[in-house]
Amino acid sequence: MTGHGEYFELNNILSGLNTTKTEFVHGCIVAGCDYLSNDRGVGIHRAFSFVKSGKLFEELKKKHSPANYEDLFQMALAVFQHQSVFSPTLLRSS
């Protein structure tokens, strides 16, 4: 593994966006992720706006989201909260 990457601290991101971790995850899911596609016309800015308004699903209904969108969202959220993440660097012995 010789790639380069950037290091980000979640607390700095949340502080910079003036948001909570929960709002951040919800916004990312609504904007579109591997587990749930976004609704047409709902990108990252609009997704976070809906989350911050406290009226996420009401706003999405106005955008004609599928009737089962809230259920799909909850399933995607469950994956985010319970996924296993593996790091090859942590598996190396010292």
PDB file of N, CA and C in Angstrom:
ATOM      1  N   MET A   1       0.841  -1.169   0.000  1.00  0.00           N
ATOM      2  CA  MET A   1       0.000   0.000   0.000  1.00  0.00           C
ATOM      3  C   MET A   1       0.888   1.233   0.000  1.00  0.00           C
ATOM      4  N   THR A   2       1.017   1.817  -1.146  1.00  0.00           N
ATOM      5  CA  THR A   2       1.894   2.972  -1.272  1.00  0.00           C
ATOM      6  C   THR A   2       1.143   4.222  -1.700  1.00  0.00           C
ATOM      7  N   GLY A   3      -0.171   4.190  -1.631  1.00  0.00           N
ATOM      8  CA  GLY A   3      -0.972   5.336  -2.058  1.00  0.00           C
ATOM      9  C   GLY A   3      -0.862   6.500  -1.093  1.00  0.00           C
ATOM     10  N   HIS A   4      -1.303   7.608  -1.549  1.00  0.00           N
ATOM     11  CA  HIS A   4      -1.302   8.817  -0.729  1.00  0.00           C
ATOM     12  C   HIS A   4      -2.745   9.145  -0.360  1.00  0.00           C
ATOM     13  N   GLY A   5      -2.927   9.782   0.716  1.00  0.00           N
ATOM     14  CA  GLY A   5      -4.271  10.150   1.141  1.00  0.00           C
ATOM     15  C   GLY A   5      -4.232  11.399   1.987  1.00  0.00           C
ATOM     16  N   GLU A   6      -5.378  11.866   2.325  1.00  0.00           N
ATOM     17  CA  GLU A   6      -5.494  13.026   3.196  1.00  0.00           C
ATOM     18  C   GLU A   6      -6.130  12.583   4.499  1.00  0.00           C
ATOM     19  N   TYR A   7      -5.726  13.206   5.564  1.00  0.00           N
ATOM     20  CA  TYR A   7      -6.227  12.886   6.891  1.00  0.00           C
ATOM     21  C   TYR A   7      -7.242  13.937   7.301  1.00  0.00           C
ATOM     22  N   PHE A   8      -8.424  13.511   7.661  1.00  0.00           N
ATOM     23  CA  PHE A   8      -9.469  14.416   8.115  1.00  0.00           C
ATOM     24  C   PHE A   8      -9.935  13.965   9.485  1.00  0.00           C
ATOM     25  N   GLU A   9     -10.187  14.906  10.356  1.00  0.00           N
ATOM     26  CA  GLU A   9     -10.752  14.589  11.662  1.00  0.00           C
ATOM     27  C   GLU A   9     -12.227  14.954  11.643  1.00  0.00           C
ATOM     28  N   LEU A  10     -13.048  13.978  11.993  1.00  0.00           N
ATOM     29  CA  LEU A  10     -14.493  14.162  11.944  1.00  0.00           C
ATOM     30  C   LEU A  10     -14.941  15.358  12.772  1.00  0.00           C
ATOM     31  N   ASN A  11     -14.379  15.534  13.950  1.00  0.00           N
ATOM     32  CA  ASN A  11     -14.787  16.661  14.800  1.00  0.00           C
ATOM     33  C   ASN A  11     -14.542  18.000  14.119  1.00  0.00           C
ATOM     34  N   ASN A  12     -13.450  18.108  13.362  1.00  0.00           N
ATOM     35  CA  ASN A  12     -13.178  19.355  12.635  1.00  0.00           C
ATOM     36  C   ASN A  12     -14.181  19.569  11.515  1.00  0.00           C
ATOM     37  N   ILE A  13     -14.555  18.503  10.848  1.00  0.00           N
ATOM     38  CA  ILE A  13     -15.544  18.603   9.769  1.00  0.00           C
ATOM     39  C   ILE A  13     -16.898  19.015  10.336  1.00  0.00           C
ATOM     40  N   LEU A  14     -17.314  18.342  11.412  1.00  0.00           N
ATOM     41  CA  LEU A  14     -18.612  18.657  12.022  1.00  0.00           C
ATOM     42  C   LEU A  14     -18.643  20.097  12.523  1.00  0.00           C
ATOM     43  N   SER A  15     -17.553  20.530  13.137  1.00  0.00           N
ATOM     44  CA  SER A  15     -17.475  21.903  13.633  1.00  0.00           C
ATOM     45  C   SER A  15     -17.545  22.896  12.475  1.00  0.00           C
ATOM     46  N   GLY A  16     -16.816  22.620  11.412  1.00  0.00           N
ATOM     47  CA  GLY A  16     -16.808  23.505  10.246  1.00  0.00           C
ATOM     48  C   GLY A  16     -18.157  23.602   9.565  1.00  0.00           C
ATOM     49  N   LEU A  17     -18.914  22.510   9.595  1.00  0.00           N
ATOM     50  CA  LEU A  17     -20.243  22.499   8.987  1.00  0.00           C
ATOM     51  C   LEU A  17     -21.342  22.892   9.964  1.00  0.00           C
ATOM     52  N   ASN A  18     -20.951  23.107  11.221  1.00  0.00           N
ATOM     53  CA  ASN A  18     -21.913  23.441  12.281  1.00  0.00           C
ATOM     54  C   ASN A  18     -23.048  22.415  12.311  1.00  0.00           C
ATOM     55  N   THR A  19     -22.661  21.146  12.421  1.00  0.00           N
ATOM     56  CA  THR A  19     -23.636  20.063  12.400  1.00  0.00           C
ATOM     57  C   THR A  19     -23.238  18.974  13.386  1.00  0.00           C
ATOM     58  N   THR A  20     -24.152  18.089  13.670  1.00  0.00           N
ATOM     59  CA  THR A  20     -23.869  16.953  14.547  1.00  0.00           C
ATOM     60  C   THR A  20     -23.504  15.751  13.682  1.00  0.00           C
ATOM     61  N   LYS A  21     -22.971  14.724  14.315  1.00  0.00           N
ATOM     62  CA  LYS A  21     -22.629  13.509  13.571  1.00  0.00           C
ATOM     63  C   LYS A  21     -23.892  12.887  12.975  1.00  0.00           C
ATOM     64  N   THR A  22     -24.971  12.874  13.729  1.00  0.00           N
ATOM     65  CA  THR A  22     -26.226  12.313  13.238  1.00  0.00           C
ATOM     66  C   THR A  22     -26.716  13.074  12.012  1.00  0.00           C
ATOM     67  N   GLU A  23     -26.721  14.405  12.082  1.00  0.00           N
ATOM     68  CA  GLU A  23     -27.148  15.218  10.936  1.00  0.00           C
ATOM     69  C   GLU A  23     -26.235  14.979   9.736  1.00  0.00           C
ATOM     70  N   PHE A  24     -24.950  14.847   9.990  1.00  0.00           N
ATOM     71  CA  PHE A  24     -23.983  14.611   8.918  1.00  0.00           C
ATOM     72  C   PHE A  24     -24.288  13.298   8.199  1.00  0.00           C
ATOM     73  N   VAL A  25     -24.490  12.242   8.954  1.00  0.00           N
ATOM     74  CA  VAL A  25     -24.790  10.937   8.363  1.00  0.00           C
ATOM     75  C   VAL A  25     -26.109  10.990   7.596  1.00  0.00           C
ATOM     76  N   HIS A  26     -27.129  11.595   8.198  1.00  0.00           N
ATOM     77  CA  HIS A  26     -28.429  11.707   7.520  1.00  0.00           C
ATOM     78  C   HIS A  26     -28.290  12.478   6.204  1.00  0.00           C
ATOM     79  N   GLY A  27     -27.569  13.576   6.242  1.00  0.00           N
ATOM     80  CA  GLY A  27     -27.363  14.376   5.029  1.00  0.00           C
ATOM     81  C   GLY A  27     -26.632  13.599   3.950  1.00  0.00           C
ATOM     82  N   CYS A  28     -25.631  12.839   4.346  1.00  0.00           N
ATOM     83  CA  CYS A  28     -24.877  12.038   3.381  1.00  0.00           C
ATOM     84  C   CYS A  28     -25.757  10.969   2.745  1.00  0.00           C
ATOM     85  N   ILE A  29     -26.599  10.332   3.544  1.00  0.00           N
ATOM     86  CA  ILE A  29     -27.499   9.308   3.004  1.00  0.00           C
ATOM     87  C   ILE A  29     -28.484   9.934   2.023  1.00  0.00           C
ATOM     88  N   VAL A  30     -29.104  11.033   2.417  1.00  0.00           N
ATOM     89  CA  VAL A  30     -30.118  11.679   1.569  1.00  0.00           C
ATOM     90  C   VAL A  30     -29.497  12.214   0.279  1.00  0.00           C
ATOM     91  N   ALA A  31     -28.254  12.654   0.339  1.00  0.00           N
ATOM     92  CA  ALA A  31     -27.582  13.170  -0.853  1.00  0.00           C
ATOM     93  C   ALA A  31     -27.245  12.060  -1.845  1.00  0.00           C
ATOM     94  N   GLY A  32     -27.316  10.828  -1.372  1.00  0.00           N
ATOM     95  CA  GLY A  32     -27.035   9.674  -2.228  1.00  0.00           C
ATOM     96  C   GLY A  32     -25.797   8.946  -1.754  1.00  0.00           C
ATOM     97  N   CYS A  33     -25.939   7.660  -1.578  1.00  0.00           N
ATOM     98  CA  CYS A  33     -24.816   6.847  -1.123  1.00  0.00           C
ATOM     99  C   CYS A  33     -24.926   5.466  -1.754  1.00  0.00           C
ATOM    100  N   ASP A  34     -24.029   4.569  -1.405  1.00  0.00           N
ATOM    101  CA  ASP A  34     -24.063   3.218  -1.955  1.00  0.00           C
ATOM    102  C   ASP A  34     -25.317   2.460  -1.554  1.00  0.00           C
ATOM    103  N   TYR A  35     -25.948   2.879  -0.471  1.00  0.00           N
ATOM    104  CA  TYR A  35     -27.078   2.141   0.079  1.00  0.00           C
ATOM    105  C   TYR A  35     -28.438   2.726  -0.296  1.00  0.00           C
ATOM    106  N   LEU A  36     -28.449   3.965  -0.794  1.00  0.00           N
ATOM    107  CA  LEU A  36     -29.707   4.618  -1.162  1.00  0.00           C
ATOM    108  C   LEU A  36     -29.426   5.756  -2.140  1.00  0.00           C
ATOM    109  N   SER A  37     -30.084   5.722  -3.268  1.00  0.00           N
ATOM    110  CA  SER A  37     -29.917   6.788  -4.267  1.00  0.00           C
ATOM    111  C   SER A  37     -30.620   8.051  -3.807  1.00  0.00           C
ATOM    112  N   ASN A  38     -30.116   9.171  -4.266  1.00  0.00           N
ATOM    113  CA  ASN A  38     -30.786  10.423  -3.940  1.00  0.00           C
ATOM    114  C   ASN A  38     -31.968  10.641  -4.881  1.00  0.00           C
ATOM    115  N   ASP A  39     -32.895  11.476  -4.448  1.00  0.00           N
ATOM    116  CA  ASP A  39     -34.008  11.873  -5.305  1.00  0.00           C
ATOM    117  C   ASP A  39     -33.499  12.895  -6.308  1.00  0.00           C
ATOM    118  N   ARG A  40     -34.102  12.904  -7.461  1.00  0.00           N
ATOM    119  CA  ARG A  40     -33.720  13.871  -8.490  1.00  0.00           C
ATOM    120  C   ARG A  40     -33.843  15.289  -7.924  1.00  0.00           C
ATOM    121  N   GLY A  41     -32.805  16.074  -8.103  1.00  0.00           N
ATOM    122  CA  GLY A  41     -32.812  17.452  -7.636  1.00  0.00           C
ATOM    123  C   GLY A  41     -32.388  17.619  -6.187  1.00  0.00           C
ATOM    124  N   VAL A  42     -32.033  16.528  -5.527  1.00  0.00           N
ATOM    125  CA  VAL A  42     -31.583  16.611  -4.134  1.00  0.00           C
ATOM    126  C   VAL A  42     -30.112  16.221  -4.091  1.00  0.00           C
ATOM    127  N   GLY A  43     -29.265  17.237  -4.027  1.00  0.00           N
ATOM    128  CA  GLY A  43     -27.828  17.035  -3.909  1.00  0.00           C
ATOM    129  C   GLY A  43     -27.391  17.297  -2.475  1.00  0.00           C
ATOM    130  N   ILE A  44     -26.121  17.466  -2.301  1.00  0.00           N
ATOM    131  CA  ILE A  44     -25.557  17.596  -0.958  1.00  0.00           C
ATOM    132  C   ILE A  44     -26.089  18.840  -0.235  1.00  0.00           C
ATOM    133  N   HIS A  45     -26.180  19.967  -0.919  1.00  0.00           N
ATOM    134  CA  HIS A  45     -26.634  21.198  -0.258  1.00  0.00           C
ATOM    135  C   HIS A  45     -28.099  21.108   0.158  1.00  0.00           C
ATOM    136  N   ARG A  46     -28.937  20.646  -0.742  1.00  0.00           N
ATOM    137  CA  ARG A  46     -30.359  20.529  -0.420  1.00  0.00           C
ATOM    138  C   ARG A  46     -30.585  19.454   0.649  1.00  0.00           C
ATOM    139  N   ALA A  47     -29.839  18.360   0.576  1.00  0.00           N
ATOM    140  CA  ALA A  47     -29.982  17.288   1.572  1.00  0.00           C
ATOM    141  C   ALA A  47     -29.682  17.823   2.966  1.00  0.00           C
ATOM    142  N   PHE A  48     -28.577  18.555   3.110  1.00  0.00           N
ATOM    143  CA  PHE A  48     -28.230  19.092   4.423  1.00  0.00           C
ATOM    144  C   PHE A  48     -29.218  20.163   4.869  1.00  0.00           C
ATOM    145  N   SER A  49     -29.748  20.917   3.921  1.00  0.00           N
ATOM    146  CA  SER A  49     -30.764  21.914   4.247  1.00  0.00           C
ATOM    147  C   SER A  49     -32.010  21.238   4.813  1.00  0.00           C
ATOM    148  N   PHE A  50     -32.440  20.145   4.186  1.00  0.00           N
ATOM    149  CA  PHE A  50     -33.604  19.405   4.668  1.00  0.00           C
ATOM    150  C   PHE A  50     -33.352  18.824   6.054  1.00  0.00           C
ATOM    151  N   VAL A  51     -32.176  18.257   6.259  1.00  0.00           N
ATOM    152  CA  VAL A  51     -31.842  17.665   7.563  1.00  0.00           C
ATOM    153  C   VAL A  51     -31.830  18.746   8.637  1.00  0.00           C
ATOM    154  N   LYS A  52     -31.176  19.871   8.362  1.00  0.00           N
ATOM    155  CA  LYS A  52     -31.069  20.949   9.348  1.00  0.00           C
ATOM    156  C   LYS A  52     -32.433  21.562   9.666  1.00  0.00           C
ATOM    157  N   SER A  53     -33.370  21.503   8.718  1.00  0.00           N
ATOM    158  CA  SER A  53     -34.693  22.092   8.936  1.00  0.00           C
ATOM    159  C   SER A  53     -35.509  21.277   9.942  1.00  0.00           C
ATOM    160  N   GLY A  54     -35.113  20.009  10.137  1.00  0.00           N
ATOM    161  CA  GLY A  54     -35.883  19.141  11.020  1.00  0.00           C
ATOM    162  C   GLY A  54     -37.119  18.567  10.351  1.00  0.00           C
ATOM    163  N   LYS A  55     -37.260  18.819   9.057  1.00  0.00           N
ATOM    164  CA  LYS A  55     -38.437  18.354   8.306  1.00  0.00           C
ATOM    165  C   LYS A  55     -38.000  17.537   7.096  1.00  0.00           C
ATOM    166  N   LEU A  56     -37.057  16.646   7.313  1.00  0.00           N
ATOM    167  CA  LEU A  56     -36.443  15.895   6.232  1.00  0.00           C
ATOM    168  C   LEU A  56     -37.466  15.179   5.352  1.00  0.00           C
ATOM    169  N   PHE A  57     -38.277  14.327   5.949  1.00  0.00           N
ATOM    170  CA  PHE A  57     -39.176  13.504   5.144  1.00  0.00           C
ATOM    171  C   PHE A  57     -40.334  14.302   4.560  1.00  0.00           C
ATOM    172  N   GLU A  58     -40.757  15.351   5.259  1.00  0.00           N
ATOM    173  CA  GLU A  58     -41.793  16.224   4.708  1.00  0.00           C
ATOM    174  C   GLU A  58     -41.282  16.920   3.444  1.00  0.00           C
ATOM    175  N   GLU A  59     -40.041  17.406   3.501  1.00  0.00           N
ATOM    176  CA  GLU A  59     -39.451  18.078   2.342  1.00  0.00           C
ATOM    177  C   GLU A  59     -39.255  17.100   1.181  1.00  0.00           C
ATOM    178  N   LEU A  60     -38.833  15.877   1.501  1.00  0.00           N
ATOM    179  CA  LEU A  60     -38.628  14.890   0.446  1.00  0.00           C
ATOM    180  C   LEU A  60     -39.939  14.479  -0.215  1.00  0.00           C
ATOM    181  N   LYS A  61     -41.022  14.451   0.562  1.00  0.00           N
ATOM    182  CA  LYS A  61     -42.332  14.139  -0.028  1.00  0.00           C
ATOM    183  C   LYS A  61     -42.721  15.194  -1.049  1.00  0.00           C
ATOM    184  N   LYS A  62     -42.371  16.456  -0.769  1.00  0.00           N
ATOM    185  CA  LYS A  62     -42.651  17.537  -1.724  1.00  0.00           C
ATOM    186  C   LYS A  62     -41.875  17.328  -3.022  1.00  0.00           C
ATOM    187  N   LYS A  63     -40.719  16.642  -2.932  1.00  0.00           N
ATOM    188  CA  LYS A  63     -39.891  16.367  -4.110  1.00  0.00           C
ATOM    189  C   LYS A  63     -40.311  15.061  -4.773  1.00  0.00           C
ATOM    190  N   HIS A  64     -41.434  14.495  -4.307  1.00  0.00           N
ATOM    191  CA  HIS A  64     -42.001  13.273  -4.882  1.00  0.00           C
ATOM    192  C   HIS A  64     -41.095  12.059  -4.688  1.00  0.00           C
ATOM    193  N   SER A  65     -40.530  11.950  -3.488  1.00  0.00           N
ATOM    194  CA  SER A  65     -39.739  10.760  -3.184  1.00  0.00           C
ATOM    195  C   SER A  65     -40.672   9.547  -3.137  1.00  0.00           C
ATOM    196  N   PRO A  66     -40.125   8.349  -3.307  1.00  0.00           N
ATOM    197  CA  PRO A  66     -40.967   7.147  -3.264  1.00  0.00           C
ATOM    198  C   PRO A  66     -41.711   7.037  -1.933  1.00  0.00           C
ATOM    199  N   ALA A  67     -42.875   6.412  -1.961  1.00  0.00           N
ATOM    200  CA  ALA A  67     -43.700   6.274  -0.756  1.00  0.00           C
ATOM    201  C   ALA A  67     -42.954   5.547   0.352  1.00  0.00           C
ATOM    202  N   ASN A  68     -42.060   4.654  -0.003  1.00  0.00           N
ATOM    203  CA  ASN A  68     -41.327   3.886   1.007  1.00  0.00           C
ATOM    204  C   ASN A  68     -39.946   4.468   1.303  1.00  0.00           C
ATOM    205  N   TYR A  69     -39.716   5.727   0.936  1.00  0.00           N
ATOM    206  CA  TYR A  69     -38.393   6.330   1.104  1.00  0.00           C
ATOM    207  C   TYR A  69     -37.928   6.312   2.562  1.00  0.00           C
ATOM    208  N   GLU A  70     -38.821   6.609   3.476  1.00  0.00           N
ATOM    209  CA  GLU A  70     -38.411   6.647   4.884  1.00  0.00           C
ATOM    210  C   GLU A  70     -37.945   5.257   5.341  1.00  0.00           C
ATOM    211  N   ASP A  71     -38.607   4.206   4.892  1.00  0.00           N
ATOM    212  CA  ASP A  71     -38.171   2.844   5.220  1.00  0.00           C
ATOM    213  C   ASP A  71     -36.809   2.546   4.608  1.00  0.00           C
ATOM    214  N   LEU A  72     -36.630   2.936   3.347  1.00  0.00           N
ATOM    215  CA  LEU A  72     -35.343   2.735   2.685  1.00  0.00           C
ATOM    216  C   LEU A  72     -34.237   3.511   3.393  1.00  0.00           C
ATOM    217  N   PHE A  73     -34.555   4.724   3.817  1.00  0.00           N
ATOM    218  CA  PHE A  73     -33.597   5.551   4.556  1.00  0.00           C
ATOM    219  C   PHE A  73     -33.192   4.849   5.857  1.00  0.00           C
ATOM    220  N   GLN A  74     -34.161   4.315   6.589  1.00  0.00           N
ATOM    221  CA  GLN A  74     -33.869   3.642   7.854  1.00  0.00           C
ATOM    222  C   GLN A  74     -32.981   2.412   7.638  1.00  0.00           C
ATOM    223  N   MET A  75     -33.202   1.691   6.547  1.00  0.00           N
ATOM    224  CA  MET A  75     -32.346   0.539   6.242  1.00  0.00           C
ATOM    225  C   MET A  75     -30.920   0.989   5.917  1.00  0.00           C
ATOM    226  N   ALA A  76     -30.794   2.059   5.134  1.00  0.00           N
ATOM    227  CA  ALA A  76     -29.466   2.586   4.813  1.00  0.00           C
ATOM    228  C   ALA A  76     -28.766   3.075   6.084  1.00  0.00           C
ATOM    229  N   LEU A  77     -29.502   3.726   6.943  1.00  0.00           N
ATOM    230  CA  LEU A  77     -28.946   4.207   8.204  1.00  0.00           C
ATOM    231  C   LEU A  77     -28.452   3.042   9.060  1.00  0.00           C
ATOM    232  N   ALA A  78     -29.200   1.958   9.082  1.00  0.00           N
ATOM    233  CA  ALA A  78     -28.788   0.774   9.855  1.00  0.00           C
ATOM    234  C   ALA A  78     -27.465   0.223   9.341  1.00  0.00           C
ATOM    235  N   VAL A  79     -27.276   0.242   8.027  1.00  0.00           N
ATOM    236  CA  VAL A  79     -26.003  -0.228   7.462  1.00  0.00           C
ATOM    237  C   VAL A  79     -24.875   0.683   7.918  1.00  0.00           C
ATOM    238  N   PHE A  80     -25.069   1.992   7.862  1.00  0.00           N
ATOM    239  CA  PHE A  80     -24.053   2.934   8.317  1.00  0.00           C
ATOM    240  C   PHE A  80     -23.694   2.695   9.782  1.00  0.00           C
ATOM    241  N   GLN A  81     -24.677   2.418  10.589  1.00  0.00           N
ATOM    242  CA  GLN A  81     -24.449   2.290  12.026  1.00  0.00           C
ATOM    243  C   GLN A  81     -23.850   0.950  12.420  1.00  0.00           C
ATOM    244  N   HIS A  82     -23.990  -0.064  11.583  1.00  0.00           N
ATOM    245  CA  HIS A  82     -23.577  -1.407  11.988  1.00  0.00           C
ATOM    246  C   HIS A  82     -22.618  -2.089  11.022  1.00  0.00           C
ATOM    247  N   GLN A  83     -22.024  -1.351  10.112  1.00  0.00           N
ATOM    248  CA  GLN A  83     -21.117  -1.971   9.165  1.00  0.00           C
ATOM    249  C   GLN A  83     -19.774  -2.284   9.808  1.00  0.00           C
ATOM    250  N   SER A  84     -19.126  -3.300   9.293  1.00  0.00           N
ATOM    251  CA  SER A  84     -17.774  -3.653   9.738  1.00  0.00           C
ATOM    252  C   SER A  84     -16.782  -2.983   8.798  1.00  0.00           C
ATOM    253  N   VAL A  85     -15.761  -2.394   9.360  1.00  0.00           N
ATOM    254  CA  VAL A  85     -14.721  -1.740   8.575  1.00  0.00           C
ATOM    255  C   VAL A  85     -13.403  -2.423   8.901  1.00  0.00           C
ATOM    256  N   PHE A  86     -12.694  -2.820   7.867  1.00  0.00           N
ATOM    257  CA  PHE A  86     -11.430  -3.504   8.057  1.00  0.00           C
ATOM    258  C   PHE A  86     -10.304  -2.623   7.566  1.00  0.00           C
ATOM    259  N   SER A  87      -9.231  -2.579   8.316  1.00  0.00           N
ATOM    260  CA  SER A  87      -8.059  -1.800   7.939  1.00  0.00           C
ATOM    261  C   SER A  87      -6.849  -2.728   7.883  1.00  0.00           C
ATOM    262  N   PRO A  88      -6.283  -2.916   6.687  1.00  0.00           N
ATOM    263  CA  PRO A  88      -5.119  -3.793   6.585  1.00  0.00           C
ATOM    264  C   PRO A  88      -3.949  -3.331   7.465  1.00  0.00           C
ATOM    265  N   THR A  89      -3.832  -2.030   7.698  1.00  0.00           N
ATOM    266  CA  THR A  89      -2.731  -1.528   8.518  1.00  0.00           C
ATOM    267  C   THR A  89      -2.880  -1.953   9.970  1.00  0.00           C
ATOM    268  N   LEU A  90      -4.096  -2.146  10.422  1.00  0.00           N
ATOM    269  CA  LEU A  90      -4.305  -2.589  11.798  1.00  0.00           C
ATOM    270  C   LEU A  90      -4.076  -4.083  11.956  1.00  0.00           C
ATOM    271  N   LEU A  91      -4.105  -4.799  10.850  1.00  0.00           N
ATOM    272  CA  LEU A  91      -3.932  -6.252  10.896  1.00  0.00           C
ATOM    273  C   LEU A  91      -2.465  -6.667  10.886  1.00  0.00           C
ATOM    274  N   ARG A  92      -1.574  -5.756  10.513  1.00  0.00           N
ATOM    275  CA  ARG A  92      -0.147  -6.075  10.479  1.00  0.00           C
ATOM    276  C   ARG A  92       0.378  -6.271  11.888  1.00  0.00           C
ATOM    277  N   SER A  93       1.244  -7.231  12.041  1.00  0.00           N
ATOM    278  CA  SER A  93       1.855  -7.419  13.371  1.00  0.00           C
ATOM    279  C   SER A  93       3.066  -6.508  13.505  1.00  0.00           C
ATOM    280  N   SER A  94       3.331  -6.067  14.704  1.00  0.00           N
ATOM    281  CA  SER A  94       4.420  -5.102  14.956  1.00  0.00           C
ATOM    282  C   SER A  94       5.762  -5.768  14.926  1.00  0.00           C
TER     283      SER A  94
END
